[in-house]
């Protein structure tokens, strides 16, 4: 099943994002369940959150993936939402 994970950074946490970016990117690659990923950008073009599309068996697996993300473990996010995802256009 496919899920969209949307996470918004805490205010003023760009340094936390940048410090943990290498571990976050390695986690995305190593788990083998990420279909698409990218940051949300603020008005200045700086990362302020993330959208990650996961292919996992169920919501519990999506939540477990989110909980183990190095960004989450570092306390980067002020809010995380996970919802079922259905891509309707493009690849």
N, C-alpha and C. Protein backbone atom coordinates (compact mmCIF):
# COMPACT_ATOMS: atom_id res chain seq x y z
N UNK A 1 0.85 -1.17 0.00
CA UNK A 1 0.00 0.00 0.00
C UNK A 1 0.90 1.24 0.00
N UNK A 2 0.42 2.30 -0.57
CA UNK A 2 1.21 3.52 -0.68
C UNK A 2 0.68 4.60 0.27
N UNK A 3 1.60 5.23 0.97
CA UNK A 3 1.26 6.28 1.94
C UNK A 3 2.10 7.52 1.68
N UNK A 4 1.50 8.67 1.96
CA UNK A 4 2.22 9.94 1.92
C UNK A 4 2.49 10.38 3.34
N UNK A 5 3.75 10.65 3.63
CA UNK A 5 4.16 11.18 4.93
C UNK A 5 4.48 12.66 4.70
N UNK A 6 3.77 13.52 5.40
CA UNK A 6 4.01 14.96 5.31
C UNK A 6 4.45 15.44 6.68
N UNK A 7 5.62 16.06 6.72
CA UNK A 7 6.18 16.51 7.99
C UNK A 7 6.60 17.97 7.87
N UNK A 8 6.29 18.75 8.89
CA UNK A 8 6.64 20.17 8.92
C UNK A 8 7.64 20.40 10.05
N UNK A 9 8.72 21.10 9.70
CA UNK A 9 9.79 21.36 10.67
C UNK A 9 9.34 22.35 11.75
N UNK A 10 9.96 22.23 12.90
CA UNK A 10 9.79 23.24 13.94
C UNK A 10 10.41 24.55 13.43
N UNK A 11 9.90 25.66 13.87
CA UNK A 11 10.46 26.96 13.50
C UNK A 11 11.92 27.04 13.94
N UNK A 12 12.76 27.58 13.07
CA UNK A 12 14.16 27.79 13.41
C UNK A 12 14.99 26.53 13.51
N UNK A 13 14.55 25.44 12.87
CA UNK A 13 15.24 24.16 13.01
C UNK A 13 16.06 23.77 11.77
N UNK A 14 16.38 24.74 10.92
CA UNK A 14 17.14 24.41 9.70
C UNK A 14 18.47 23.76 10.05
N UNK A 15 19.11 24.20 11.14
CA UNK A 15 20.39 23.61 11.54
C UNK A 15 20.21 22.13 11.91
N UNK A 16 19.11 21.78 12.56
CA UNK A 16 18.83 20.38 12.90
C UNK A 16 18.65 19.57 11.62
N UNK A 17 17.93 20.12 10.65
CA UNK A 17 17.73 19.45 9.37
C UNK A 17 19.08 19.19 8.69
N UNK A 18 19.91 20.21 8.61
CA UNK A 18 21.18 20.08 7.89
C UNK A 18 22.14 19.13 8.60
N UNK A 19 22.16 19.15 9.92
CA UNK A 19 23.04 18.25 10.68
C UNK A 19 22.66 16.79 10.48
N UNK A 20 21.37 16.52 10.32
CA UNK A 20 20.89 15.15 10.23
C UNK A 20 20.62 14.69 8.79
N UNK A 21 20.82 15.57 7.82
CA UNK A 21 20.53 15.26 6.42
C UNK A 21 21.27 14.02 5.91
N UNK A 22 22.58 13.87 6.14
CA UNK A 22 23.24 12.66 5.62
C UNK A 22 22.62 11.36 6.15
N UNK A 23 22.31 11.33 7.44
CA UNK A 23 21.70 10.13 8.03
C UNK A 23 20.29 9.91 7.49
N UNK A 24 19.53 11.00 7.30
CA UNK A 24 18.18 10.91 6.74
C UNK A 24 18.23 10.34 5.32
N UNK A 25 19.12 10.87 4.48
CA UNK A 25 19.22 10.39 3.10
C UNK A 25 19.66 8.93 3.06
N UNK A 26 20.58 8.54 3.92
CA UNK A 26 21.01 7.14 3.99
C UNK A 26 19.84 6.24 4.40
N UNK A 27 19.02 6.71 5.34
CA UNK A 27 17.85 5.94 5.79
C UNK A 27 16.87 5.76 4.64
N UNK A 28 16.58 6.83 3.90
CA UNK A 28 15.68 6.74 2.76
C UNK A 28 16.16 5.66 1.79
N UNK A 29 17.44 5.68 1.49
CA UNK A 29 18.03 4.74 0.53
C UNK A 29 18.02 3.31 1.08
N UNK A 30 18.38 3.14 2.33
CA UNK A 30 18.58 1.80 2.89
C UNK A 30 17.29 1.02 3.12
N UNK A 31 16.17 1.71 3.34
CA UNK A 31 14.95 0.99 3.68
C UNK A 31 14.27 0.37 2.45
N UNK A 32 14.50 0.95 1.28
CA UNK A 32 13.94 0.38 0.05
C UNK A 32 12.45 0.55 -0.12
N UNK A 33 11.81 1.42 0.65
CA UNK A 33 10.36 1.59 0.56
C UNK A 33 9.95 2.98 0.07
N UNK A 34 10.92 3.86 -0.15
CA UNK A 34 10.62 5.23 -0.55
C UNK A 34 10.47 5.31 -2.07
N UNK A 35 9.28 5.76 -2.51
CA UNK A 35 9.03 5.93 -3.94
C UNK A 35 9.40 7.32 -4.42
N UNK A 36 9.11 8.32 -3.63
CA UNK A 36 9.41 9.71 -3.95
C UNK A 36 9.67 10.44 -2.63
N UNK A 37 10.52 11.45 -2.70
CA UNK A 37 10.78 12.25 -1.51
C UNK A 37 11.30 13.62 -1.92
N UNK A 38 10.97 14.60 -1.13
CA UNK A 38 11.48 15.93 -1.37
C UNK A 38 11.04 16.87 -0.27
N UNK A 39 11.74 18.01 -0.17
CA UNK A 39 11.41 18.96 0.89
C UNK A 39 10.31 19.92 0.47
N UNK A 40 9.56 20.39 1.46
CA UNK A 40 8.73 21.57 1.28
C UNK A 40 9.67 22.76 1.45
N UNK A 41 9.43 23.84 0.70
CA UNK A 41 10.27 25.03 0.78
C UNK A 41 9.47 26.21 1.29
N UNK A 42 10.10 27.05 2.10
CA UNK A 42 9.44 28.26 2.58
C UNK A 42 9.58 29.37 1.53
N UNK A 43 9.11 30.56 1.85
CA UNK A 43 9.13 31.68 0.91
C UNK A 43 10.55 32.08 0.50
N UNK A 44 11.54 31.74 1.31
CA UNK A 44 12.93 32.06 0.99
C UNK A 44 13.63 30.93 0.24
N UNK A 45 12.88 29.85 -0.04
CA UNK A 45 13.47 28.72 -0.74
C UNK A 45 14.24 27.76 0.16
N UNK A 46 14.08 27.90 1.47
CA UNK A 46 14.74 27.02 2.43
C UNK A 46 13.83 25.84 2.78
N UNK A 47 14.40 24.64 3.00
CA UNK A 47 13.58 23.51 3.42
C UNK A 47 12.87 23.79 4.74
N UNK A 48 11.59 23.43 4.79
CA UNK A 48 10.81 23.64 6.02
C UNK A 48 9.93 22.44 6.34
N UNK A 49 10.13 21.35 5.63
CA UNK A 49 9.35 20.15 5.85
C UNK A 49 9.68 19.12 4.79
N UNK A 50 8.95 18.02 4.80
CA UNK A 50 9.23 16.94 3.87
C UNK A 50 7.94 16.26 3.41
N UNK A 51 7.97 15.79 2.16
CA UNK A 51 6.95 14.89 1.63
C UNK A 51 7.67 13.63 1.22
N UNK A 52 7.23 12.50 1.75
CA UNK A 52 7.85 11.22 1.43
C UNK A 52 6.74 10.23 1.11
N UNK A 53 6.83 9.59 -0.05
CA UNK A 53 5.85 8.60 -0.48
C UNK A 53 6.46 7.23 -0.23
N UNK A 54 5.77 6.43 0.58
CA UNK A 54 6.25 5.12 1.02
C UNK A 54 5.41 4.00 0.45
N UNK A 55 6.04 2.90 0.08
CA UNK A 55 5.36 1.68 -0.31
C UNK A 55 5.59 0.66 0.80
N UNK A 56 4.62 0.54 1.69
CA UNK A 56 4.71 -0.34 2.86
C UNK A 56 3.39 -1.11 3.01
N UNK A 57 3.37 -2.17 3.80
CA UNK A 57 2.17 -3.00 3.88
C UNK A 57 0.93 -2.32 4.46
N UNK A 58 1.13 -1.43 5.46
CA UNK A 58 -0.02 -0.85 6.14
C UNK A 58 0.39 0.41 6.90
N UNK A 59 -0.59 1.05 7.52
CA UNK A 59 -0.36 2.30 8.26
C UNK A 59 0.64 2.09 9.40
N UNK A 60 0.58 0.95 10.06
CA UNK A 60 1.51 0.69 11.15
C UNK A 60 2.96 0.69 10.65
N UNK A 61 3.18 0.11 9.48
CA UNK A 61 4.53 0.10 8.90
C UNK A 61 4.96 1.50 8.50
N UNK A 62 4.04 2.30 7.98
CA UNK A 62 4.35 3.69 7.63
C UNK A 62 4.73 4.47 8.89
N UNK A 63 3.99 4.28 9.96
CA UNK A 63 4.28 4.97 11.22
C UNK A 63 5.62 4.53 11.78
N UNK A 64 5.90 3.24 11.72
CA UNK A 64 7.18 2.73 12.21
C UNK A 64 8.33 3.32 11.40
N UNK A 65 8.15 3.42 10.08
CA UNK A 65 9.17 4.02 9.24
C UNK A 65 9.40 5.47 9.66
N UNK A 66 8.31 6.21 9.85
CA UNK A 66 8.40 7.62 10.24
C UNK A 66 9.09 7.77 11.59
N UNK A 67 8.77 6.91 12.53
CA UNK A 67 9.35 7.00 13.87
C UNK A 67 10.85 6.75 13.86
N UNK A 68 11.33 5.96 12.90
CA UNK A 68 12.75 5.62 12.83
C UNK A 68 13.57 6.55 11.94
N UNK A 69 12.92 7.49 11.28
CA UNK A 69 13.62 8.47 10.45
C UNK A 69 14.56 9.29 11.33
N UNK A 70 15.82 9.44 10.94
CA UNK A 70 16.75 10.25 11.75
C UNK A 70 16.26 11.68 12.01
N UNK A 71 15.52 12.26 11.09
CA UNK A 71 14.95 13.59 11.34
C UNK A 71 13.99 13.54 12.53
N UNK A 72 13.13 12.54 12.56
CA UNK A 72 12.18 12.41 13.67
C UNK A 72 12.92 12.17 14.99
N UNK A 73 13.92 11.31 14.95
CA UNK A 73 14.69 11.01 16.17
C UNK A 73 15.43 12.24 16.69
N UNK A 74 15.77 13.16 15.78
CA UNK A 74 16.46 14.39 16.18
C UNK A 74 15.50 15.48 16.65
N UNK A 75 14.20 15.20 16.59
CA UNK A 75 13.21 16.17 17.04
C UNK A 75 12.97 17.32 16.08
N UNK A 76 13.19 17.10 14.78
CA UNK A 76 13.05 18.15 13.78
C UNK A 76 11.62 18.61 13.58
N UNK A 77 10.67 17.69 13.63
CA UNK A 77 9.32 18.00 13.18
C UNK A 77 8.40 18.53 14.28
N UNK A 78 7.57 19.52 13.90
CA UNK A 78 6.52 20.01 14.80
C UNK A 78 5.22 19.26 14.54
N UNK A 79 5.07 18.69 13.34
CA UNK A 79 3.85 17.96 12.99
C UNK A 79 4.17 16.96 11.90
N UNK A 80 3.58 15.78 12.00
CA UNK A 80 3.71 14.74 10.98
C UNK A 80 2.33 14.16 10.72
N UNK A 81 1.98 14.05 9.45
CA UNK A 81 0.73 13.43 9.05
C UNK A 81 1.04 12.33 8.04
N UNK A 82 0.34 11.22 8.18
CA UNK A 82 0.49 10.11 7.24
C UNK A 82 -0.89 9.78 6.72
N UNK A 83 -1.00 9.67 5.41
CA UNK A 83 -2.29 9.38 4.79
C UNK A 83 -2.10 8.44 3.60
N UNK A 84 -3.14 7.71 3.26
CA UNK A 84 -3.08 6.86 2.07
C UNK A 84 -2.82 7.74 0.86
N UNK A 85 -2.08 7.23 -0.10
CA UNK A 85 -1.66 7.99 -1.28
C UNK A 85 -2.12 7.27 -2.53
N UNK A 86 -2.67 8.02 -3.45
CA UNK A 86 -3.06 7.48 -4.75
C UNK A 86 -2.57 8.46 -5.80
N UNK A 87 -1.55 8.08 -6.55
CA UNK A 87 -1.06 8.95 -7.61
C UNK A 87 -2.00 8.83 -8.80
N UNK A 88 -2.40 9.96 -9.33
CA UNK A 88 -3.38 9.91 -10.43
C UNK A 88 -2.80 10.39 -11.76
N UNK A 89 -1.68 11.07 -11.74
CA UNK A 89 -1.08 11.55 -12.99
C UNK A 89 0.43 11.37 -12.95
N UNK A 90 1.02 11.11 -14.10
CA UNK A 90 2.47 11.06 -14.21
C UNK A 90 3.10 9.87 -13.54
N UNK A 91 4.41 9.88 -13.59
CA UNK A 91 5.16 8.78 -13.00
C UNK A 91 5.99 9.24 -11.83
